[in-house]
N, C-alpha and C. Protein backbone atom coordinates (compact mmCIF):
# COMPACT_ATOMS: atom_id res chain seq x y z
N MET A 1 4.37 -8.43 -24.30
CA MET A 1 5.31 -8.19 -23.22
C MET A 1 4.86 -6.99 -22.40
N THR A 2 4.88 -7.16 -21.13
CA THR A 2 4.52 -6.05 -20.26
C THR A 2 5.78 -5.33 -19.81
N ASP A 3 5.58 -4.13 -19.27
CA ASP A 3 6.70 -3.35 -18.77
C ASP A 3 7.35 -4.03 -17.57
N ASP A 4 6.56 -4.73 -16.76
CA ASP A 4 7.11 -5.42 -15.60
C ASP A 4 8.07 -6.53 -16.02
N TRP A 5 7.72 -7.24 -17.07
CA TRP A 5 8.58 -8.32 -17.55
C TRP A 5 9.90 -7.76 -18.07
N VAL A 6 9.83 -6.67 -18.83
CA VAL A 6 11.04 -6.04 -19.36
C VAL A 6 11.89 -5.50 -18.22
N THR A 7 11.25 -4.88 -17.24
CA THR A 7 11.99 -4.34 -16.10
C THR A 7 12.66 -5.46 -15.31
N ASP A 8 11.96 -6.56 -15.07
CA ASP A 8 12.56 -7.68 -14.35
C ASP A 8 13.74 -8.27 -15.13
N ARG A 9 13.59 -8.38 -16.45
CA ARG A 9 14.67 -8.90 -17.27
C ARG A 9 15.88 -7.97 -17.22
N ASP A 10 15.65 -6.65 -17.28
CA ASP A 10 16.73 -5.68 -17.20
C ASP A 10 17.44 -5.77 -15.85
N ARG A 11 16.67 -5.86 -14.78
CA ARG A 11 17.27 -5.93 -13.45
C ARG A 11 18.06 -7.23 -13.27
N ARG A 12 17.59 -8.30 -13.84
CA ARG A 12 18.33 -9.56 -13.80
C ARG A 12 19.64 -9.43 -14.56
N THR A 13 19.60 -8.75 -15.68
CA THR A 13 20.82 -8.51 -16.46
C THR A 13 21.79 -7.63 -15.68
N TYR A 14 21.30 -6.57 -15.03
CA TYR A 14 22.16 -5.71 -14.22
C TYR A 14 22.81 -6.51 -13.09
N ARG A 15 22.03 -7.39 -12.46
CA ARG A 15 22.56 -8.22 -11.37
C ARG A 15 23.66 -9.15 -11.89
N THR A 16 23.44 -9.75 -13.04
CA THR A 16 24.43 -10.66 -13.62
C THR A 16 25.72 -9.92 -13.97
N VAL A 17 25.58 -8.75 -14.58
CA VAL A 17 26.77 -7.97 -14.94
C VAL A 17 27.53 -7.54 -13.70
N SER A 18 26.83 -7.14 -12.66
CA SER A 18 27.53 -6.73 -11.43
C SER A 18 28.25 -7.91 -10.78
N ARG A 19 27.65 -9.07 -10.78
CA ARG A 19 28.33 -10.25 -10.22
C ARG A 19 29.58 -10.61 -11.01
N ILE A 20 29.48 -10.55 -12.33
CA ILE A 20 30.65 -10.82 -13.16
C ILE A 20 31.76 -9.82 -12.85
N GLY A 21 31.40 -8.56 -12.70
CA GLY A 21 32.39 -7.53 -12.38
C GLY A 21 33.05 -7.76 -11.04
N PHE A 22 32.26 -8.15 -10.03
CA PHE A 22 32.83 -8.37 -8.70
C PHE A 22 33.70 -9.63 -8.66
N VAL A 23 33.46 -10.59 -9.53
CA VAL A 23 34.30 -11.79 -9.60
C VAL A 23 35.54 -11.54 -10.46
N ALA A 24 35.37 -10.82 -11.55
CA ALA A 24 36.50 -10.58 -12.46
C ALA A 24 37.52 -9.61 -11.87
N ALA A 25 37.08 -8.67 -11.05
CA ALA A 25 38.00 -7.66 -10.53
C ALA A 25 39.14 -8.25 -9.70
N PRO A 26 38.90 -9.14 -8.74
CA PRO A 26 40.04 -9.70 -8.01
C PRO A 26 40.98 -10.50 -8.90
N ALA A 27 40.43 -11.21 -9.88
CA ALA A 27 41.30 -11.94 -10.81
C ALA A 27 42.14 -10.98 -11.63
N MET A 28 41.53 -9.88 -12.08
CA MET A 28 42.27 -8.89 -12.85
C MET A 28 43.36 -8.21 -12.03
N PHE A 29 43.18 -8.16 -10.71
CA PHE A 29 44.18 -7.51 -9.87
C PHE A 29 45.30 -8.46 -9.47
N PHE A 30 44.96 -9.68 -9.08
CA PHE A 30 45.97 -10.57 -8.52
C PHE A 30 46.70 -11.43 -9.54
N LEU A 31 46.04 -11.83 -10.62
CA LEU A 31 46.72 -12.66 -11.62
C LEU A 31 47.91 -11.97 -12.29
N PRO A 32 47.85 -10.67 -12.60
CA PRO A 32 49.04 -10.03 -13.17
C PRO A 32 50.24 -9.99 -12.23
N LEU A 33 50.02 -10.21 -10.95
CA LEU A 33 51.14 -10.24 -10.01
C LEU A 33 52.02 -11.47 -10.23
N LEU A 34 51.53 -12.44 -10.98
CA LEU A 34 52.33 -13.62 -11.30
C LEU A 34 53.30 -13.37 -12.46
N VAL A 35 53.07 -12.32 -13.22
CA VAL A 35 53.89 -12.03 -14.41
C VAL A 35 55.37 -11.87 -14.07
N PRO A 36 55.76 -11.14 -13.02
CA PRO A 36 57.19 -10.98 -12.75
C PRO A 36 57.89 -12.31 -12.42
N MET A 37 57.15 -13.29 -12.03
CA MET A 37 57.75 -14.58 -11.70
C MET A 37 58.14 -15.35 -12.97
N PHE A 38 57.51 -15.03 -14.09
CA PHE A 38 57.78 -15.74 -15.33
C PHE A 38 58.48 -14.88 -16.37
N CYS A 39 58.38 -13.57 -16.27
CA CYS A 39 59.03 -12.65 -17.21
C CYS A 39 60.07 -11.84 -16.46
N VAL A 40 61.20 -11.64 -17.07
CA VAL A 40 62.26 -10.88 -16.43
C VAL A 40 62.00 -9.40 -16.66
N GLY A 41 62.12 -8.62 -15.60
CA GLY A 41 62.00 -7.18 -15.72
C GLY A 41 60.56 -6.68 -15.60
N TYR A 42 60.44 -5.41 -15.87
CA TYR A 42 59.17 -4.71 -15.73
C TYR A 42 58.35 -4.83 -17.02
N GLN A 43 57.09 -5.15 -16.87
CA GLN A 43 56.13 -5.18 -17.99
C GLN A 43 55.05 -4.14 -17.67
N SER A 44 54.59 -3.40 -18.66
CA SER A 44 53.60 -2.36 -18.38
C SER A 44 52.16 -2.87 -18.39
N TRP A 45 51.85 -3.91 -19.15
CA TRP A 45 50.46 -4.34 -19.27
C TRP A 45 49.86 -4.86 -17.97
N PRO A 46 50.64 -5.51 -17.06
CA PRO A 46 50.00 -5.91 -15.81
C PRO A 46 49.55 -4.73 -14.96
N VAL A 47 50.32 -3.65 -14.99
CA VAL A 47 49.93 -2.47 -14.22
C VAL A 47 48.67 -1.85 -14.82
N ILE A 48 48.57 -1.85 -16.12
CA ILE A 48 47.37 -1.31 -16.78
C ILE A 48 46.15 -2.16 -16.41
N CYS A 49 46.32 -3.46 -16.43
CA CYS A 49 45.23 -4.37 -16.07
C CYS A 49 44.83 -4.18 -14.60
N MET A 50 45.82 -4.06 -13.73
CA MET A 50 45.53 -3.88 -12.31
C MET A 50 44.88 -2.53 -12.03
N THR A 51 45.23 -1.50 -12.80
CA THR A 51 44.62 -0.18 -12.65
C THR A 51 43.17 -0.20 -13.11
N ALA A 52 42.88 -0.92 -14.16
CA ALA A 52 41.51 -0.98 -14.69
C ALA A 52 40.54 -1.62 -13.71
N VAL A 53 41.06 -2.38 -12.77
CA VAL A 53 40.20 -3.04 -11.77
C VAL A 53 39.36 -2.03 -11.02
N PHE A 54 39.92 -0.88 -10.73
CA PHE A 54 39.19 0.11 -9.94
C PHE A 54 38.00 0.65 -10.71
N ALA A 55 38.13 0.85 -12.00
CA ALA A 55 36.99 1.27 -12.82
C ALA A 55 35.97 0.14 -12.93
N VAL A 56 36.43 -1.10 -13.00
CA VAL A 56 35.52 -2.25 -13.07
C VAL A 56 34.71 -2.35 -11.78
N LEU A 57 35.34 -2.12 -10.63
CA LEU A 57 34.62 -2.18 -9.36
C LEU A 57 33.56 -1.08 -9.27
N VAL A 58 33.89 0.12 -9.72
CA VAL A 58 32.90 1.20 -9.72
C VAL A 58 31.75 0.85 -10.66
N SER A 59 32.05 0.32 -11.81
CA SER A 59 31.01 -0.07 -12.76
C SER A 59 30.14 -1.19 -12.20
N ALA A 60 30.76 -2.17 -11.56
CA ALA A 60 29.98 -3.26 -10.95
C ALA A 60 29.09 -2.72 -9.84
N SER A 61 29.59 -1.76 -9.07
CA SER A 61 28.76 -1.15 -8.03
C SER A 61 27.58 -0.41 -8.64
N SER A 62 27.82 0.26 -9.76
CA SER A 62 26.75 0.97 -10.44
C SER A 62 25.68 0.01 -10.94
N PHE A 63 26.11 -1.11 -11.52
CA PHE A 63 25.13 -2.09 -11.99
C PHE A 63 24.38 -2.72 -10.83
N ALA A 64 25.04 -2.93 -9.70
CA ALA A 64 24.34 -3.45 -8.53
C ALA A 64 23.31 -2.45 -8.03
N ALA A 65 23.65 -1.16 -8.06
CA ALA A 65 22.68 -0.12 -7.67
C ALA A 65 21.53 -0.06 -8.67
N MET A 66 21.84 -0.22 -9.96
CA MET A 66 20.79 -0.21 -10.97
C MET A 66 19.83 -1.39 -10.78
N ALA A 67 20.36 -2.51 -10.34
CA ALA A 67 19.51 -3.69 -10.13
C ALA A 67 18.57 -3.52 -8.95
N SER A 68 18.95 -2.67 -8.02
CA SER A 68 18.12 -2.53 -6.82
C SER A 68 17.32 -1.24 -6.79
N THR A 69 17.19 -0.55 -7.91
CA THR A 69 16.36 0.65 -7.94
C THR A 69 14.89 0.26 -7.85
N PRO A 70 14.09 1.11 -7.24
CA PRO A 70 12.65 0.82 -7.18
C PRO A 70 12.05 0.77 -8.58
N PRO A 71 10.97 0.02 -8.76
CA PRO A 71 10.37 -0.14 -10.08
C PRO A 71 9.93 1.17 -10.74
N ASP A 72 9.57 2.18 -9.94
CA ASP A 72 9.10 3.44 -10.53
C ASP A 72 10.24 4.42 -10.81
N ASP A 73 11.47 4.02 -10.51
CA ASP A 73 12.63 4.89 -10.69
C ASP A 73 13.41 4.49 -11.93
N ARG A 74 14.24 5.37 -12.44
CA ARG A 74 15.05 5.09 -13.63
C ARG A 74 16.41 4.56 -13.20
N PRO A 75 16.77 3.33 -13.56
CA PRO A 75 18.05 2.77 -13.14
C PRO A 75 19.24 3.43 -13.81
N GLY A 76 19.06 4.03 -14.97
CA GLY A 76 20.16 4.63 -15.69
C GLY A 76 20.77 5.84 -15.00
N LYS A 77 20.08 6.38 -14.00
CA LYS A 77 20.62 7.56 -13.30
C LYS A 77 21.91 7.24 -12.56
N HIS A 78 22.16 5.97 -12.27
CA HIS A 78 23.38 5.61 -11.56
C HIS A 78 24.62 5.76 -12.43
N GLN A 79 24.43 5.78 -13.74
CA GLN A 79 25.57 6.01 -14.61
C GLN A 79 26.07 7.44 -14.50
N LEU A 80 25.23 8.35 -14.03
CA LEU A 80 25.64 9.74 -13.88
C LEU A 80 26.74 9.89 -12.83
N TRP A 81 26.68 9.12 -11.76
CA TRP A 81 27.75 9.19 -10.77
C TRP A 81 28.85 8.19 -11.04
N ALA A 82 28.54 7.09 -11.71
CA ALA A 82 29.53 6.03 -11.90
C ALA A 82 30.65 6.43 -12.86
N ILE A 83 30.33 7.14 -13.89
CA ILE A 83 31.35 7.48 -14.89
C ILE A 83 32.42 8.41 -14.30
N PRO A 84 32.06 9.52 -13.65
CA PRO A 84 33.12 10.36 -13.08
C PRO A 84 33.87 9.67 -11.94
N VAL A 85 33.17 8.87 -11.15
CA VAL A 85 33.84 8.17 -10.05
C VAL A 85 34.83 7.14 -10.61
N ALA A 86 34.46 6.46 -11.67
CA ALA A 86 35.37 5.48 -12.27
C ALA A 86 36.62 6.15 -12.82
N VAL A 87 36.45 7.30 -13.46
CA VAL A 87 37.61 8.03 -13.98
C VAL A 87 38.48 8.52 -12.83
N PHE A 88 37.87 9.02 -11.78
CA PHE A 88 38.62 9.50 -10.62
C PHE A 88 39.33 8.35 -9.90
N ALA A 89 38.73 7.18 -9.87
CA ALA A 89 39.32 6.03 -9.17
C ALA A 89 40.55 5.49 -9.87
N LEU A 90 40.75 5.84 -11.13
CA LEU A 90 41.91 5.33 -11.85
C LEU A 90 43.22 5.90 -11.32
N LEU A 91 43.23 7.13 -10.82
CA LEU A 91 44.48 7.73 -10.33
C LEU A 91 45.02 7.01 -9.10
N PRO A 92 44.25 6.88 -8.01
CA PRO A 92 44.80 6.10 -6.88
C PRO A 92 45.00 4.63 -7.24
N GLY A 93 44.20 4.12 -8.16
CA GLY A 93 44.38 2.75 -8.60
C GLY A 93 45.71 2.55 -9.31
N ALA A 94 46.09 3.52 -10.12
CA ALA A 94 47.37 3.45 -10.83
C ALA A 94 48.53 3.53 -9.85
N VAL A 95 48.41 4.38 -8.86
CA VAL A 95 49.49 4.52 -7.85
C VAL A 95 49.63 3.22 -7.06
N LEU A 96 48.53 2.68 -6.60
CA LEU A 96 48.57 1.44 -5.83
C LEU A 96 49.07 0.27 -6.68
N SER A 97 48.56 0.16 -7.88
CA SER A 97 48.94 -0.96 -8.75
C SER A 97 50.42 -0.91 -9.12
N SER A 98 50.87 0.25 -9.56
CA SER A 98 52.28 0.34 -9.95
C SER A 98 53.19 0.18 -8.75
N GLY A 99 52.82 0.70 -7.60
CA GLY A 99 53.64 0.52 -6.40
C GLY A 99 53.75 -0.94 -6.00
N LEU A 100 52.65 -1.64 -6.00
CA LEU A 100 52.66 -3.06 -5.63
C LEU A 100 53.43 -3.88 -6.66
N TYR A 101 53.22 -3.61 -7.93
CA TYR A 101 53.90 -4.36 -8.98
C TYR A 101 55.41 -4.10 -8.94
N LEU A 102 55.80 -2.83 -8.77
CA LEU A 102 57.23 -2.51 -8.71
C LEU A 102 57.88 -3.11 -7.47
N THR A 103 57.16 -3.19 -6.37
CA THR A 103 57.69 -3.82 -5.17
C THR A 103 57.97 -5.30 -5.42
N ILE A 104 57.04 -5.97 -6.08
CA ILE A 104 57.23 -7.40 -6.36
C ILE A 104 58.37 -7.60 -7.35
N VAL A 105 58.46 -6.76 -8.38
CA VAL A 105 59.56 -6.87 -9.33
C VAL A 105 60.89 -6.64 -8.62
N SER A 106 60.94 -5.66 -7.74
CA SER A 106 62.17 -5.37 -7.00
C SER A 106 62.56 -6.53 -6.09
N LEU A 107 61.61 -7.07 -5.37
CA LEU A 107 61.90 -8.20 -4.47
C LEU A 107 62.38 -9.42 -5.25
N LEU A 108 61.75 -9.70 -6.38
CA LEU A 108 62.17 -10.84 -7.18
C LEU A 108 63.55 -10.61 -7.80
N SER A 109 63.85 -9.37 -8.18
CA SER A 109 65.18 -9.06 -8.73
C SER A 109 66.25 -9.22 -7.67
N GLN A 110 65.97 -8.77 -6.45
CA GLN A 110 66.92 -8.92 -5.34
C GLN A 110 67.12 -10.39 -5.00
N ALA A 111 66.04 -11.14 -5.01
CA ALA A 111 66.16 -12.57 -4.71
C ALA A 111 66.97 -13.29 -5.77
N ALA A 112 66.80 -12.91 -7.01
CA ALA A 112 67.58 -13.55 -8.10
C ALA A 112 69.04 -13.15 -8.03
N ALA A 113 69.32 -11.92 -7.61
CA ALA A 113 70.69 -11.45 -7.52
C ALA A 113 71.45 -12.11 -6.38
N THR A 114 70.76 -12.42 -5.30
CA THR A 114 71.42 -13.01 -4.13
C THR A 114 71.33 -14.53 -4.09
N ALA A 115 70.66 -15.12 -5.07
CA ALA A 115 70.51 -16.57 -5.09
C ALA A 115 71.86 -17.22 -5.41
N PRO A 116 72.17 -18.30 -4.71
CA PRO A 116 73.44 -18.98 -5.00
C PRO A 116 73.37 -19.69 -6.35
N GLY A 117 74.49 -19.68 -7.05
CA GLY A 117 74.58 -20.46 -8.29
C GLY A 117 74.25 -19.66 -9.43
């Protein structure tokens, strides 16, 4: 095995992981929004799942950057910026996720309260 073969295999793996992250993130954000339609009241796990999306997007971006590093460069250096950015992204992600989820729960509760019958 040559170093070029290993490097190409690693970059292909980084590309695959980043694509999975970019596809999974929207599903992780929007699918939990269906929970209030089937469960009564507030559930905490959908907000946690929706908040984690922001860290997944940062990680997927890091893997995409690792896949496109030049052959003479070290792809692992992208983890140096990705880890703190992912942790920092969780705070606005939590605010956005909980705000959106609580808005939907509130709207569905109001609709159920005013529904005839």
